[in-house]
Amino acid sequence: MASRPPAVAPTAYHRLLESRAPTLSGSSAIQYALLTDPEHAEVFLLITAAEGGGNFNREVVGIDALEAVVDAAPAGKPFGSKQLKGGFTGRSNNNAPYACAALIAQGLLAKSPDAKFGLVKAGDWDAWRLEMMALPGEPFLFPPQSANAPIVPTPEPNKARKKDRRGGNRFVPVVPENEASTESPTEEVHDADPA
């Protein structure tokens, strides 16, 4: 059984914008939020929902980090959505395509006319950043947590207390040593009566 990650203290942001964008395939949509730090020094992207049910990591990613991985693509050539994977710490395969969908909706990326699934950098990222940071925003905590809830780390399970274990597809009971020595041998019982 996997243990739960320890509780993380929420970080304060300002939510500048909440929006919706079609996925790269156009068959569904995502919802995302643009955030900034309280000093309005950097803009962040947070994917909040995948309407088609796709999995993704709920992770706040800096636009600067995403621009850096876009700029790392070969110049003059379209790149695939997986190029943005380096901007995320989470490992979901949907993180990068969903981020691309949000960046296309914001005019920072565009679909390439030359390659079917290719993307190209578009728009003025610096002007867009200044425009976003000029928005007042509203206070936002991530990960969300109620104000009264204390941050309590999850205790590790005590593996020494296990009374049973599994072996393959069968259930194997574990008999403690003190019970094994006090039991008397059992008689063998047959269902068939020889008489």
Protein backbone atom coordinates (compact mmCIF):
# COMPACT_ATOMS: atom_id res chain seq x y z
CA MET A 1 0.00 0.00 0.00
CA ALA A 2 1.46 3.36 -0.98
CA SER A 3 1.73 5.94 1.74
CA ARG A 4 0.15 9.33 1.32
CA PRO A 5 2.48 12.26 0.74
CA PRO A 6 2.98 14.57 3.70
CA ALA A 7 0.72 17.59 4.00
CA VAL A 8 2.00 20.69 2.24
CA ALA A 9 1.52 24.20 3.53
CA PRO A 10 -0.56 26.22 1.06
CA THR A 11 1.14 28.99 -0.92
CA ALA A 12 -0.51 32.38 -1.35
CA TYR A 13 -1.18 33.57 -4.90
CA HIS A 14 -3.49 36.01 -6.62
CA ARG A 15 -5.85 34.45 -9.14
CA LEU A 16 -5.82 36.75 -12.17
CA LEU A 17 -8.01 34.80 -14.55
CA GLU A 18 -10.02 31.60 -14.83
CA SER A 19 -10.81 30.36 -18.29
CA ARG A 20 -11.59 27.40 -20.50
CA ALA A 21 -9.75 26.21 -23.62
CA PRO A 22 -10.30 23.40 -26.14
CA THR A 23 -7.77 20.57 -25.97
CA LEU A 24 -5.29 20.21 -28.82
CA SER A 25 -7.47 17.54 -30.45
CA GLY A 26 -10.57 19.70 -30.05
CA SER A 27 -12.56 16.76 -28.69
CA SER A 28 -12.79 18.15 -25.16
CA ALA A 29 -11.77 21.14 -23.07
CA ILE A 30 -9.70 22.07 -20.05
CA GLN A 31 -10.18 24.69 -17.40
CA TYR A 32 -7.21 26.67 -16.15
CA ALA A 33 -6.28 29.59 -13.94
CA LEU A 34 -3.57 32.21 -14.30
CA LEU A 35 -2.00 33.14 -10.99
CA THR A 36 0.64 35.54 -9.76
CA ASP A 37 2.60 35.81 -6.56
CA PRO A 38 1.43 38.47 -4.05
CA GLU A 39 4.15 40.88 -5.31
CA HIS A 40 2.97 40.44 -8.93
CA ALA A 41 6.49 39.50 -10.03
CA GLU A 42 5.73 36.28 -11.96
CA VAL A 43 2.76 34.68 -13.71
CA PHE A 44 1.84 31.03 -13.16
CA LEU A 45 -0.41 28.50 -14.88
CA LEU A 46 -2.61 26.01 -13.03
CA ILE A 47 -4.70 23.42 -14.89
CA THR A 48 -7.84 23.06 -12.76
CA ALA A 49 -10.03 20.57 -14.67
CA ALA A 50 -10.13 18.31 -17.69
CA GLU A 51 -13.70 18.13 -18.94
CA GLY A 52 -12.99 14.93 -20.87
CA GLY A 53 -11.82 13.18 -17.71
CA GLY A 54 -8.09 13.09 -18.56
CA ASN A 55 -5.62 12.82 -15.70
CA PHE A 56 -3.12 15.57 -14.96
CA ASN A 57 -1.07 16.88 -12.06
CA ARG A 58 -2.51 19.81 -10.15
CA GLU A 59 0.68 21.80 -10.21
CA VAL A 60 1.43 25.52 -10.32
CA VAL A 61 3.94 26.10 -13.14
CA GLY A 62 5.73 29.37 -13.86
CA ILE A 63 5.17 30.90 -17.29
CA ASP A 64 8.90 31.70 -17.28
CA ALA A 65 9.68 27.97 -16.99
CA LEU A 66 7.28 27.15 -19.83
CA GLU A 67 8.79 29.85 -22.03
CA ALA A 68 12.28 28.49 -21.32
CA VAL A 69 11.36 25.00 -22.55
CA VAL A 70 9.61 26.49 -25.61
CA ASP A 71 12.75 28.51 -26.38
CA ALA A 72 14.86 25.34 -26.03
CA ALA A 73 13.11 23.83 -29.08
CA PRO A 74 15.05 23.98 -32.36
CA ALA A 75 14.68 27.46 -33.87
CA GLY A 76 12.44 27.79 -36.92
CA LYS A 77 10.93 24.30 -36.53
CA PRO A 78 7.55 23.35 -35.09
CA PHE A 79 7.69 21.37 -31.85
CA GLY A 80 5.36 18.86 -30.24
CA SER A 81 3.41 19.44 -27.05
CA LYS A 82 5.81 17.13 -25.18
CA GLN A 83 8.39 19.92 -25.43
CA LEU A 84 6.64 21.52 -22.43
CA LYS A 85 7.04 18.39 -20.29
CA GLY A 86 10.31 19.80 -18.92
CA GLY A 87 8.41 22.67 -17.28
CA PHE A 88 6.53 20.28 -14.97
CA THR A 89 7.68 18.21 -12.03
CA GLY A 90 4.64 15.92 -12.26
CA ARG A 91 4.81 12.97 -14.63
CA SER A 92 1.34 12.87 -16.17
CA ASN A 93 1.41 12.68 -19.96
CA ASN A 94 -1.44 15.20 -20.14
CA ASN A 95 0.35 18.04 -18.33
CA ALA A 96 2.18 19.34 -21.40
CA PRO A 97 -0.69 19.12 -23.92
CA TYR A 98 -3.09 20.79 -21.48
CA ALA A 99 -0.57 23.59 -20.86
CA CYS A 100 -0.21 24.01 -24.64
CA ALA A 101 -3.99 24.32 -24.95
CA ALA A 102 -4.02 27.09 -22.32
CA LEU A 103 -1.08 28.90 -23.97
CA ILE A 104 -2.80 28.71 -27.38
CA ALA A 105 -5.93 30.21 -25.82
CA GLN A 106 -3.79 33.05 -24.42
CA GLY A 107 -2.15 33.65 -27.82
CA LEU A 108 1.33 32.59 -26.70
CA LEU A 109 1.48 29.47 -28.87
CA ALA A 110 -0.11 28.68 -32.23
CA LYS A 111 -0.66 25.51 -34.24
CA SER A 112 1.86 25.24 -37.03
CA PRO A 113 0.49 25.33 -40.59
CA ASP A 114 3.44 23.16 -41.72
CA ALA A 115 3.17 20.23 -39.31
CA LYS A 116 -0.06 18.46 -38.38
CA PHE A 117 0.65 18.30 -34.65
CA GLY A 118 3.32 20.98 -34.50
CA LEU A 119 3.25 24.14 -32.43
CA VAL A 120 5.13 27.42 -32.75
CA LYS A 121 5.79 30.28 -30.37
CA ALA A 122 3.46 33.22 -31.00
CA GLY A 123 2.60 36.58 -29.51
CA ASP A 124 4.65 38.90 -27.34
CA TRP A 125 5.21 37.00 -24.11
CA ASP A 126 6.70 40.00 -22.27
CA ALA A 127 3.79 42.31 -23.14
CA TRP A 128 1.34 39.56 -22.17
CA ARG A 129 3.10 39.14 -18.79
CA LEU A 130 2.87 42.87 -18.08
CA GLU A 131 -0.81 42.86 -19.04
CA MET A 132 -1.51 39.92 -16.70
CA MET A 133 0.47 41.36 -13.78
CA ALA A 134 -1.47 44.62 -14.08
CA LEU A 135 -4.69 42.76 -13.19
CA PRO A 136 -5.57 43.06 -9.48
CA GLY A 137 -6.54 39.42 -8.95
CA GLU A 138 -8.08 37.89 -5.85
CA PRO A 139 -6.34 36.00 -3.02
CA PHE A 140 -5.93 32.30 -3.76
CA LEU A 141 -4.27 29.49 -1.76
CA PHE A 142 -2.82 26.42 -3.41
CA PRO A 143 -3.19 23.67 -2.51
CA PRO A 144 -6.59 24.72 -1.20
CA GLN A 145 -7.10 24.10 2.49
CA SER A 146 -9.58 25.36 5.00
CA ALA A 147 -8.30 28.14 7.24
CA ASN A 148 -8.99 26.13 10.43
CA ALA A 149 -7.39 22.86 9.31
CA PRO A 150 -3.99 22.25 10.88
CA ILE A 151 -1.25 20.78 8.73
CA VAL A 152 -0.72 17.31 10.12
CA PRO A 153 1.69 14.87 8.50
CA THR A 154 0.27 11.43 7.80
CA PRO A 155 1.71 8.76 10.10
CA GLU A 156 3.50 5.87 8.47
CA PRO A 157 1.64 2.57 8.80
CA ASN A 158 3.07 0.24 11.46
CA LYS A 159 4.16 -2.77 9.43
CA ALA A 160 5.04 -4.81 12.53
CA ARG A 161 1.36 -5.00 13.53
CA LYS A 162 0.23 -6.87 10.41
CA LYS A 163 -1.54 -10.07 11.37
CA ASP A 164 -2.12 -11.40 7.89
CA ARG A 165 -0.20 -11.35 4.67
CA ARG A 166 -0.95 -12.23 1.13
CA GLY A 167 0.99 -14.72 -0.90
CA GLY A 168 0.17 -14.51 -4.58
CA ASN A 169 -3.57 -14.97 -5.05
CA ARG A 170 -4.15 -16.87 -1.82
CA PHE A 171 -4.65 -15.63 1.70
CA VAL A 172 -2.02 -16.95 4.11
CA PRO A 173 -2.79 -16.41 7.80
CA VAL A 174 0.18 -15.70 10.03
CA VAL A 175 -0.02 -17.46 13.37
CA PRO A 176 1.83 -15.69 16.20
CA GLU A 177 4.47 -17.87 17.88
CA ASN A 178 2.72 -17.91 21.27
CA GLU A 179 -0.52 -19.29 19.74
CA ALA A 180 1.26 -21.92 17.65
CA SER A 181 2.85 -23.61 20.70
CA THR A 182 -0.35 -23.80 22.80
CA GLU A 183 -2.59 -25.38 20.19
CA SER A 184 -3.20 -29.11 20.38
CA PRO A 185 -3.04 -31.23 17.26
CA THR A 186 -6.43 -31.51 15.60
CA GLU A 187 -8.12 -34.76 14.71
CA GLU A 188 -8.65 -35.64 11.12
CA VAL A 189 -12.34 -35.70 10.29
CA HIS A 190 -13.77 -37.60 7.30
CA ASP A 191 -17.12 -36.88 5.75
CA ALA A 192 -17.74 -40.45 4.63
CA ASP A 193 -19.00 -42.88 7.25
CA PRO A 194 -17.51 -46.36 6.67
CA ALA A 195 -20.43 -48.13 8.38
